[in-house]
Protein backbone atom coordinates (compact mmCIF):
# COMPACT_ATOMS: atom_id res chain seq x y z
CA UNK A 1 -32.76 1.62 8.28
CA UNK A 2 -33.40 -2.11 7.86
CA UNK A 3 -31.37 -4.45 10.08
CA UNK A 4 -30.82 -6.79 7.13
CA UNK A 5 -30.57 -4.66 3.98
CA UNK A 6 -31.39 -6.45 0.76
CA UNK A 7 -28.73 -7.26 -1.87
CA UNK A 8 -30.45 -4.84 -4.24
CA UNK A 9 -29.27 -2.01 -1.98
CA UNK A 10 -25.69 -3.22 -2.36
CA UNK A 11 -23.94 -0.19 -0.85
CA UNK A 12 -25.89 -0.65 2.36
CA UNK A 13 -25.45 -4.44 2.22
CA UNK A 14 -21.65 -4.05 1.98
CA UNK A 15 -21.60 -1.81 5.06
CA UNK A 16 -24.06 -3.65 7.29
CA UNK A 17 -24.87 -7.19 6.26
CA UNK A 18 -21.55 -8.25 4.67
CA UNK A 19 -19.31 -7.50 7.69
CA UNK A 20 -21.85 -9.05 10.09
CA UNK A 21 -21.97 -12.29 8.09
CA UNK A 22 -18.18 -12.49 7.84
CA UNK A 23 -17.76 -12.10 11.58
CA UNK A 24 -20.47 -14.65 12.25
CA UNK A 25 -18.78 -17.15 9.90
CA UNK A 26 -15.40 -16.51 11.52
CA UNK A 27 -17.10 -17.35 14.82
CA UNK A 28 -18.21 -20.71 13.40
CA UNK A 29 -21.72 -20.18 12.00
CA UNK A 30 -22.43 -22.47 9.03
CA UNK A 31 -25.85 -20.88 8.65
CA UNK A 32 -24.21 -17.50 8.04
CA UNK A 33 -21.99 -19.09 5.39
CA UNK A 34 -25.09 -20.31 3.56
CA UNK A 35 -26.60 -16.82 3.80
CA UNK A 36 -23.39 -15.16 2.60
CA UNK A 37 -23.24 -17.47 -0.40
CA UNK A 38 -26.84 -16.77 -1.40
CA UNK A 39 -26.73 -13.04 -0.76
CA UNK A 40 -23.30 -12.58 -2.39
CA UNK A 41 -24.66 -13.93 -5.64
CA UNK A 42 -27.67 -11.61 -5.51
CA UNK A 43 -25.52 -8.64 -4.48
CA UNK A 44 -23.02 -9.24 -7.27
CA UNK A 45 -25.88 -9.34 -9.76
CA UNK A 46 -27.13 -5.98 -8.45
CA UNK A 47 -23.65 -4.45 -8.70
CA UNK A 48 -23.09 -5.74 -12.23
CA UNK A 49 -26.40 -4.32 -13.43
CA UNK A 50 -25.80 -0.85 -11.93
CA UNK A 51 -24.05 0.48 -15.02
CA UNK A 52 -24.59 4.12 -14.03
CA UNK A 53 -22.23 3.81 -11.03
CA UNK A 54 -18.46 4.19 -11.11
CA UNK A 55 -16.89 0.91 -12.23
CA UNK A 56 -14.00 1.28 -9.80
CA UNK A 57 -16.39 1.43 -6.87
CA UNK A 58 -18.29 -1.56 -8.21
CA UNK A 59 -15.02 -3.48 -8.63
CA UNK A 60 -14.14 -2.67 -5.02
CA UNK A 61 -17.27 -4.36 -3.71
CA UNK A 62 -17.10 -7.40 -5.96
CA UNK A 63 -13.40 -7.96 -5.21
CA UNK A 64 -14.11 -7.70 -1.47
CA UNK A 65 -16.91 -10.26 -1.80
CA UNK A 66 -14.53 -12.57 -3.68
CA UNK A 67 -11.80 -12.16 -1.06
CA UNK A 68 -14.29 -13.05 1.69
CA UNK A 69 -15.70 -16.07 -0.13
CA UNK A 70 -12.22 -17.35 -0.88
CA UNK A 71 -11.15 -16.85 2.74
CA UNK A 72 -14.14 -18.80 4.05
CA UNK A 73 -13.62 -21.53 1.45
CA UNK A 74 -10.01 -21.93 2.56
CA UNK A 75 -10.98 -22.09 6.24
CA UNK A 76 -13.69 -24.65 5.44
CA UNK A 77 -11.14 -26.82 3.66
CA UNK A 78 -8.75 -26.64 6.59
CA UNK A 79 -11.48 -27.48 9.11
CA UNK A 80 -12.97 -30.23 6.88
CA UNK A 81 -16.58 -29.03 7.02
CA UNK A 82 -18.63 -29.03 3.83
CA UNK A 83 -19.37 -25.90 1.87
CA UNK A 84 -22.97 -24.94 1.06
CA UNK A 85 -24.39 -26.63 -2.02
CA UNK A 86 -24.30 -23.54 -4.24
CA UNK A 87 -21.03 -22.08 -2.92
CA UNK A 88 -18.81 -23.05 -5.87
CA UNK A 89 -21.26 -21.65 -8.42
CA UNK A 90 -21.47 -18.42 -6.40
CA UNK A 91 -17.72 -17.93 -6.26
CA UNK A 92 -17.43 -18.63 -10.02
CA UNK A 93 -20.09 -16.01 -10.76
CA UNK A 94 -18.30 -13.48 -8.54
CA UNK A 95 -14.97 -14.29 -10.21
CA UNK A 96 -16.46 -13.76 -13.65
CA UNK A 97 -17.91 -10.38 -12.70
CA UNK A 98 -14.64 -9.35 -11.02
CA UNK A 99 -12.56 -10.44 -14.02
CA UNK A 100 -14.70 -8.50 -16.48
CA UNK A 101 -14.55 -5.29 -14.43
CA UNK A 102 -10.83 -5.68 -13.88
CA UNK A 103 -10.28 -6.01 -17.61
CA UNK A 104 -12.27 -2.85 -18.24
CA UNK A 105 -10.30 -0.90 -15.62
CA UNK A 106 -6.93 -2.36 -16.64
CA UNK A 107 -5.93 -3.99 -13.36
CA UNK A 108 -5.48 -7.47 -11.88
CA UNK A 109 -8.63 -9.45 -11.16
CA UNK A 110 -8.30 -9.69 -7.41
CA UNK A 111 -8.87 -7.59 -4.30
CA UNK A 112 -6.44 -4.64 -4.19
CA UNK A 113 -6.08 -2.32 -1.23
CA UNK A 114 -5.93 0.84 -3.37
CA UNK A 115 -9.60 0.22 -4.26
CA UNK A 116 -10.52 -0.69 -0.69
CA UNK A 117 -9.09 2.68 0.41
CA UNK A 118 -10.02 5.06 -2.41
CA UNK A 119 -13.10 3.70 -4.18
CA UNK A 120 -14.92 2.78 -1.00
CA UNK A 121 -16.73 5.96 0.04
CA UNK A 122 -17.38 6.63 3.70
CA UNK A 123 -21.15 7.13 3.83
CA UNK A 124 -22.11 8.71 7.20
CA UNK A 125 -25.79 7.81 6.85
CA UNK A 126 -25.00 4.11 6.64
CA UNK A 127 -24.03 2.07 9.66
CA UNK A 128 -20.45 0.94 9.15
CA UNK A 129 -19.76 3.92 6.84
CA UNK A 130 -17.09 2.13 4.78
CA UNK A 131 -17.62 -1.22 3.13
CA UNK A 132 -15.74 -3.44 5.59
CA UNK A 133 -14.85 -7.11 5.99
CA UNK A 134 -15.82 -7.11 9.66
CA UNK A 135 -17.92 -4.65 11.71
CA UNK A 136 -15.13 -3.49 14.02
CA UNK A 137 -14.21 0.06 14.89
CA UNK A 138 -10.60 -0.99 14.41
CA UNK A 139 -11.18 -1.71 10.72
CA UNK A 140 -12.91 1.68 10.38
CA UNK A 141 -9.85 3.34 11.92
CA UNK A 142 -7.56 1.19 9.75
CA UNK A 143 -9.35 2.40 6.62
CA UNK A 144 -9.27 6.06 7.64
CA UNK A 145 -5.62 6.08 8.73
CA UNK A 146 -4.35 4.11 5.74
CA UNK A 147 -6.34 6.19 3.28
CA UNK A 148 -4.96 9.41 4.73
CA UNK A 149 -1.46 7.92 4.97
CA UNK A 150 -1.50 6.88 1.33
CA UNK A 151 -2.70 10.36 0.34
CA UNK A 152 0.24 11.85 2.27
CA UNK A 153 2.70 9.48 0.58
CA UNK A 154 1.27 10.56 -2.78
CA UNK A 155 1.52 14.23 -1.79
CA UNK A 156 5.16 13.76 -0.74
CA UNK A 157 6.04 11.81 -3.89
CA UNK A 158 4.46 14.43 -6.16
CA UNK A 159 6.26 17.23 -4.33
CA UNK A 160 9.63 15.47 -4.64
CA UNK A 161 9.05 14.68 -8.33
CA UNK A 162 8.31 18.36 -8.96
CA UNK A 163 11.47 19.38 -7.09
CA UNK A 164 13.47 16.85 -9.09
CA UNK A 165 12.09 18.21 -12.35
CA UNK A 166 12.88 21.78 -11.32
CA UNK A 167 16.44 20.91 -10.33
CA UNK A 168 16.97 19.34 -13.74
CA UNK A 169 15.84 22.52 -15.48
CA UNK A 170 17.60 25.85 -15.91
CA UNK A 171 14.73 27.70 -14.22
CA UNK A 172 14.99 26.38 -10.67
CA UNK A 173 13.11 28.49 -8.16
CA UNK A 174 14.54 28.43 -4.66
CA UNK A 175 11.23 29.54 -3.13
CA UNK A 176 9.27 26.88 -4.99
CA UNK A 177 11.78 24.14 -4.15
CA UNK A 178 11.85 24.90 -0.43
CA UNK A 179 8.07 25.09 -0.28
CA UNK A 180 7.74 21.69 -1.94
CA UNK A 181 10.37 20.13 0.32
CA UNK A 182 8.52 21.45 3.37
CA UNK A 183 5.34 19.88 2.00
CA UNK A 184 7.07 16.50 1.73
CA UNK A 185 8.56 16.70 5.23
CA UNK A 186 5.18 17.62 6.72
CA UNK A 187 3.50 14.75 4.85
CA UNK A 188 5.89 12.19 6.37
CA UNK A 189 5.31 13.68 9.81
CA UNK A 190 1.54 13.29 9.38
CA UNK A 191 2.02 9.67 8.34
CA UNK A 192 3.94 8.98 11.54
CA UNK A 193 1.22 10.61 13.63
CA UNK A 194 -1.55 8.64 11.91
CA UNK A 195 0.19 5.29 12.20
CA UNK A 196 1.09 6.12 15.78
CA UNK A 197 -2.61 6.63 16.51
CA UNK A 198 -3.42 3.31 14.84
CA UNK A 199 -0.76 1.64 16.95
CA UNK A 200 -2.64 2.82 20.06
CA UNK A 201 -6.14 2.09 18.73
CA UNK A 202 -7.95 -0.55 20.76
CA UNK A 203 -9.04 -3.72 19.01
CA UNK A 204 -5.77 -4.23 17.17
CA UNK A 205 -6.30 -7.99 17.36
CA UNK A 206 -8.71 -7.44 14.48
CA UNK A 207 -5.68 -6.94 12.25
CA UNK A 208 -5.08 -10.69 12.17
CA UNK A 209 -8.54 -11.15 10.64
CA UNK A 210 -7.86 -8.46 8.04
CA UNK A 211 -4.63 -10.14 6.92
CA UNK A 212 -6.61 -13.32 6.29
CA UNK A 213 -9.02 -11.50 3.99
CA UNK A 214 -6.08 -9.77 2.26
CA UNK A 215 -4.19 -13.00 1.54
CA UNK A 216 -3.59 -15.34 -1.36
CA UNK A 217 -6.43 -16.25 -3.73
CA UNK A 218 -6.88 -18.41 -6.80
CA UNK A 219 -8.81 -17.20 -9.82
CA UNK A 220 -9.31 -19.45 -12.83
CA UNK A 221 -6.54 -21.70 -11.59
CA UNK A 222 -4.06 -18.81 -11.21
CA UNK A 223 -2.61 -18.11 -7.77
CA UNK A 224 -2.59 -14.40 -6.97
CA UNK A 225 -1.04 -13.11 -3.79
CA UNK A 226 0.30 -9.90 -2.39
CA UNK A 227 -2.47 -7.33 -2.18
CA UNK A 228 0.11 -4.91 -0.77
CA UNK A 229 2.95 -5.97 -3.08
CA UNK A 230 3.28 -2.65 -4.83
CA UNK A 231 -0.36 -1.79 -5.41
CA UNK A 232 0.58 1.84 -4.92
CA UNK A 233 3.74 3.41 -6.39
CA UNK A 234 4.45 6.26 -4.01
CA UNK A 235 7.02 4.69 -1.68
CA UNK A 236 8.96 3.34 -4.68
CA UNK A 237 8.99 6.80 -6.25
CA UNK A 238 10.20 8.34 -2.99
CA UNK A 239 12.91 5.72 -2.52
CA UNK A 240 14.13 6.20 -6.09
CA UNK A 241 14.29 9.98 -5.69
CA UNK A 242 16.09 9.82 -2.33
CA UNK A 243 18.59 7.23 -3.54
CA UNK A 244 17.55 4.25 -1.38
CA UNK A 245 19.43 1.09 -2.42
CA UNK A 246 16.47 -1.04 -3.45
CA UNK A 247 18.75 -3.66 -5.02
CA UNK A 248 20.13 -4.50 -1.59
CA UNK A 249 16.63 -4.35 -0.08
CA UNK A 250 15.26 -6.98 -2.46
CA UNK A 251 18.35 -9.17 -2.24
CA UNK A 252 18.16 -9.19 1.55
CA UNK A 253 14.36 -9.52 1.72
CA UNK A 254 14.35 -12.77 -0.26
CA UNK A 255 17.71 -14.15 0.89
CA UNK A 256 17.49 -17.83 1.81
CA UNK A 257 14.07 -18.30 0.18
CA UNK A 258 13.06 -20.00 -3.08
CA UNK A 259 12.60 -16.46 -4.44
CA UNK A 260 16.20 -15.38 -3.70
CA UNK A 261 17.30 -12.57 -6.02
CA UNK A 262 20.22 -13.15 -8.40
CA UNK A 263 20.02 -10.15 -10.67
CA UNK A 264 21.82 -10.15 -14.04
CA UNK A 265 24.96 -7.96 -14.25
CA UNK A 266 23.17 -5.16 -16.10
CA UNK A 267 20.84 -4.61 -13.11
CA UNK A 268 22.86 -2.16 -11.06
CA UNK A 269 20.77 0.78 -9.85
CA UNK A 270 17.55 1.04 -7.88
CA UNK A 271 15.78 2.23 -11.02
CA UNK A 272 17.04 -0.90 -12.83
CA UNK A 273 15.76 -3.09 -9.99
CA UNK A 274 12.27 -1.59 -9.84
CA UNK A 275 11.94 -1.81 -13.62
CA UNK A 276 13.17 -5.42 -13.58
CA UNK A 277 10.83 -6.42 -10.74
CA UNK A 278 7.80 -5.07 -12.56
CA UNK A 279 8.88 -6.65 -15.83
CA UNK A 280 9.47 -10.07 -14.29
CA UNK A 281 6.25 -10.00 -12.26
CA UNK A 282 7.75 -12.21 -9.55
CA UNK A 283 6.89 -9.79 -6.78
CA UNK A 284 5.76 -6.45 -8.20
CA UNK A 285 2.96 -6.34 -10.76
CA UNK A 286 2.15 -3.42 -13.02
CA UNK A 287 -1.52 -4.34 -13.12
CA UNK A 288 -1.73 -4.20 -9.31
CA UNK A 289 -1.39 -0.44 -9.81
CA UNK A 290 -3.99 1.91 -11.18
CA UNK A 291 -3.07 2.35 -14.86
CA UNK A 292 -2.35 6.07 -14.46
CA UNK A 293 -0.15 5.42 -11.42
CA UNK A 294 1.89 2.79 -13.25
CA UNK A 295 2.55 5.19 -16.11
CA UNK A 296 3.62 7.83 -13.62
CA UNK A 297 6.05 5.42 -11.94
CA UNK A 298 7.56 4.38 -15.27
CA UNK A 299 8.10 8.04 -16.13
CA UNK A 300 9.95 8.61 -12.85
CA UNK A 301 12.09 5.49 -13.44
CA UNK A 302 13.06 6.85 -16.85
CA UNK A 303 13.94 10.28 -15.43
CA UNK A 304 16.12 8.75 -12.70
CA UNK A 305 17.81 6.51 -15.29
CA UNK A 306 18.49 9.46 -17.61
CA UNK A 307 19.81 11.66 -14.82
CA UNK A 308 21.93 9.01 -13.13
CA UNK A 309 21.66 10.66 -9.73
CA UNK A 310 19.08 11.02 -6.97
CA UNK A 311 17.53 14.17 -5.58
CA UNK A 312 19.95 14.18 -2.64
CA UNK A 313 22.86 14.78 -5.05
CA UNK A 314 21.19 17.47 -7.09
CA UNK A 315 21.60 20.76 -5.18
CA UNK A 316 22.75 23.21 -7.88
CA UNK A 317 25.92 25.17 -7.21
CA UNK A 318 24.17 28.12 -8.86
CA UNK A 319 22.29 28.65 -5.60
CA UNK A 320 23.91 30.82 -2.94
CA UNK A 321 25.51 29.23 0.13
CA UNK A 322 22.50 30.24 2.21
CA UNK A 323 20.12 28.71 -0.28
CA UNK A 324 22.15 25.50 -0.52
CA UNK A 325 22.14 25.31 3.27
CA UNK A 326 18.36 25.67 3.41
CA UNK A 327 17.81 22.98 0.75
CA UNK A 328 20.26 20.61 2.48
CA UNK A 329 18.49 21.17 5.80
CA UNK A 330 15.11 20.37 4.26
CA UNK A 331 16.39 17.27 2.47
CA UNK A 332 17.86 16.07 5.74
CA UNK A 333 14.58 16.75 7.54
CA UNK A 334 12.75 14.81 4.84
CA UNK A 335 15.00 11.77 5.30
CA UNK A 336 14.51 11.96 9.08
CA UNK A 337 10.74 12.19 8.83
CA UNK A 338 10.58 9.49 6.14
CA UNK A 339 12.62 7.14 8.33
CA UNK A 340 10.40 7.92 11.30
CA UNK A 341 7.29 7.03 9.27
CA UNK A 342 9.01 3.86 8.09
CA UNK A 343 9.88 2.85 11.65
CA UNK A 344 6.30 3.33 12.86
CA UNK A 345 5.11 1.24 9.91
CA UNK A 346 7.43 -1.55 11.03
CA UNK A 347 6.17 -1.27 14.61
CA UNK A 348 2.61 -1.72 13.34
CA UNK A 349 3.58 -4.79 11.36
CA UNK A 350 5.64 -6.20 14.23
CA UNK A 351 2.73 -5.83 16.62
CA UNK A 352 -0.15 -7.03 14.47
CA UNK A 353 1.04 -9.37 11.69
CA UNK A 354 0.38 -12.93 12.96
CA UNK A 355 3.26 -15.37 13.42
CA UNK A 356 3.39 -18.62 11.47
CA UNK A 357 4.22 -21.98 13.14
CA UNK A 358 7.93 -21.17 12.76
CA UNK A 359 7.49 -17.92 14.68
CA UNK A 360 7.97 -15.78 11.57
CA UNK A 361 5.82 -12.82 10.60
CA UNK A 362 4.97 -13.02 6.91
CA UNK A 363 3.04 -10.16 5.34
CA UNK A 364 0.12 -10.55 2.95
CA UNK A 365 2.58 -10.09 0.06
CA UNK A 366 4.59 -13.10 1.25
CA UNK A 367 7.58 -11.12 2.53
CA UNK A 368 9.30 -11.68 5.86
CA UNK A 369 8.62 -8.38 7.62
CA UNK A 370 11.89 -8.34 9.60
CA UNK A 371 14.04 -8.92 6.53
CA UNK A 372 12.04 -6.67 4.24
CA UNK A 373 11.03 -3.81 6.54
CA UNK A 374 13.41 -3.64 9.48
CA UNK A 375 16.63 -5.03 7.99
CA UNK A 376 15.85 -3.97 4.41
CA UNK A 377 13.96 -0.75 3.81
CA UNK A 378 14.54 0.84 7.21
CA UNK A 379 18.30 0.16 7.19
CA UNK A 380 18.69 1.52 3.67
CA UNK A 381 16.56 4.58 4.37
CA UNK A 382 18.64 5.31 7.45
CA UNK A 383 21.78 4.97 5.34
CA UNK A 384 20.45 7.67 3.00
CA UNK A 385 19.91 9.96 5.99
CA UNK A 386 23.42 9.30 7.33
CA UNK A 387 25.04 9.73 3.91
CA UNK A 388 23.23 13.02 3.43
CA UNK A 389 24.58 14.24 6.76
CA UNK A 390 28.12 13.25 5.69
CA UNK A 391 27.74 14.78 2.23
CA UNK A 392 26.65 18.15 3.59
CA UNK A 393 28.60 18.09 6.85
CA UNK A 394 29.72 21.71 6.59
CA UNK A 395 26.28 22.97 5.68
CA UNK A 396 24.52 21.07 8.44
CA UNK A 397 27.26 21.93 10.95
CA UNK A 398 26.80 25.59 10.09
CA UNK A 399 23.11 25.19 10.79
CA UNK A 400 23.82 23.64 14.21
CA UNK A 401 26.20 26.49 15.12
CA UNK A 402 23.63 29.07 14.05
CA UNK A 403 21.07 27.37 16.28
CA UNK A 404 23.45 27.37 19.27
CA UNK A 405 24.40 31.02 18.73
CA UNK A 406 20.77 32.02 18.45
C-alpha cells in the first residue's frame, strides 16, 4: 500500500493521508496545510464523480473534509498566520459539494456524527480502517464504542416502542413484552460496559482534538453548531417512553444563558417540549436526523401525546399479579441500567470535554455539561427510577422478600 495514497483513491486517502495531515497541521506544519488544501480539492472532486457509490458514505467524507478545513481555518485566524493561497476556493468547493449531497439526502449541510459512525465503513485492509480526523488508536476506539453504543440505544428504543404499542392494544402478550423489556435492559448494560472501556482507553487526551473538529462551522454565512445536538433520536424516544421530565431538563440546561427557556403555557409535557424544540430549531434540528429517523421520532411523539401517559404507567390490570410483578421488575431494571449508562456518559464528558477560560465544560452542541447532563438528564432519569419504585412498592417489595426467602 502506498504511504501517500492519491486523492483518486479517496477511501484510502481518508483513512491514511487525511488523518496524518490533520495531525501534522495541529502540530504546527504550514506545509501540511498547503498539502491538505490541494489534496482536499482533488479528493472532493473524486468523491463527487463517484456516482456509483452510496451518497451517504460520500457525504460522510466530504463533510469530514469540510469540518477539518474549517477547524484549521479557525485556528489560523486565531494564531494570525496566513492561509494558503487557494484555501478559500478549496473550502468553497467542498461546501458546494457538501450542500448538494445534503440536499439530496435531506439533511443539514454540515458534519454530523450519525454519518461519521454509520456511513464510515471499517475497512480492515486499509491502515486506519475508519475514516478518521487524526490517526490515533483512541479515535478508532471512540468510533467503535460510539457506533455500538448508538446501535444499542436504537435497539432499546425500538424494543420499548414495540412494548408501548403492545400495551396500547387489546392483544398484549406477556411473553413478548418481557422479552422486549429484557432486550432493552441488556442494551443499556452493554452501553455502560462500552463507555466504561472507553473511559479506561489510553490516549483520552485525543478527545479534546475531536471536539475541535466536531464544533461550530459556517456555511454560506450561516452558523451551524451542535453536531451532537439531537442528530440521533433514540435517547429522546427512550426518555419520552419512560416519562423523563424533559421540560425541566431544558429549562435547567439553559438557565442563566441567552438561550434560557421560557416555554408558552401550552407546552406542558415532555412530548410538547421535544416537538417545540424541533419546530423552533433553537437547539434541536429535524434535518440533523436521518429523514427516516425523524419521521420515527415524530410518530412516537404523536403516540405519547395521544396516550397521555408513559410506559411506566401502562401495566395492564388484565395481567395476573405475577405477570404485573415481572413487568414492574423489568421496568425498574431498565431505569436502573439506563441511569447507569447515563452516569458513565457524564463521566466521559467530565473527564474529556475541555474547559473554557471560565473553567466550564461546554459540549460541541453548546450545552453546559454539568447543567445538561449531571443536573438535568441524570437527575430526571433518577427521578423516574425512584418514582417507579414508589409506584410499585408492593410489587417490588414482594420481589425482595421472595429473593430473601429463596
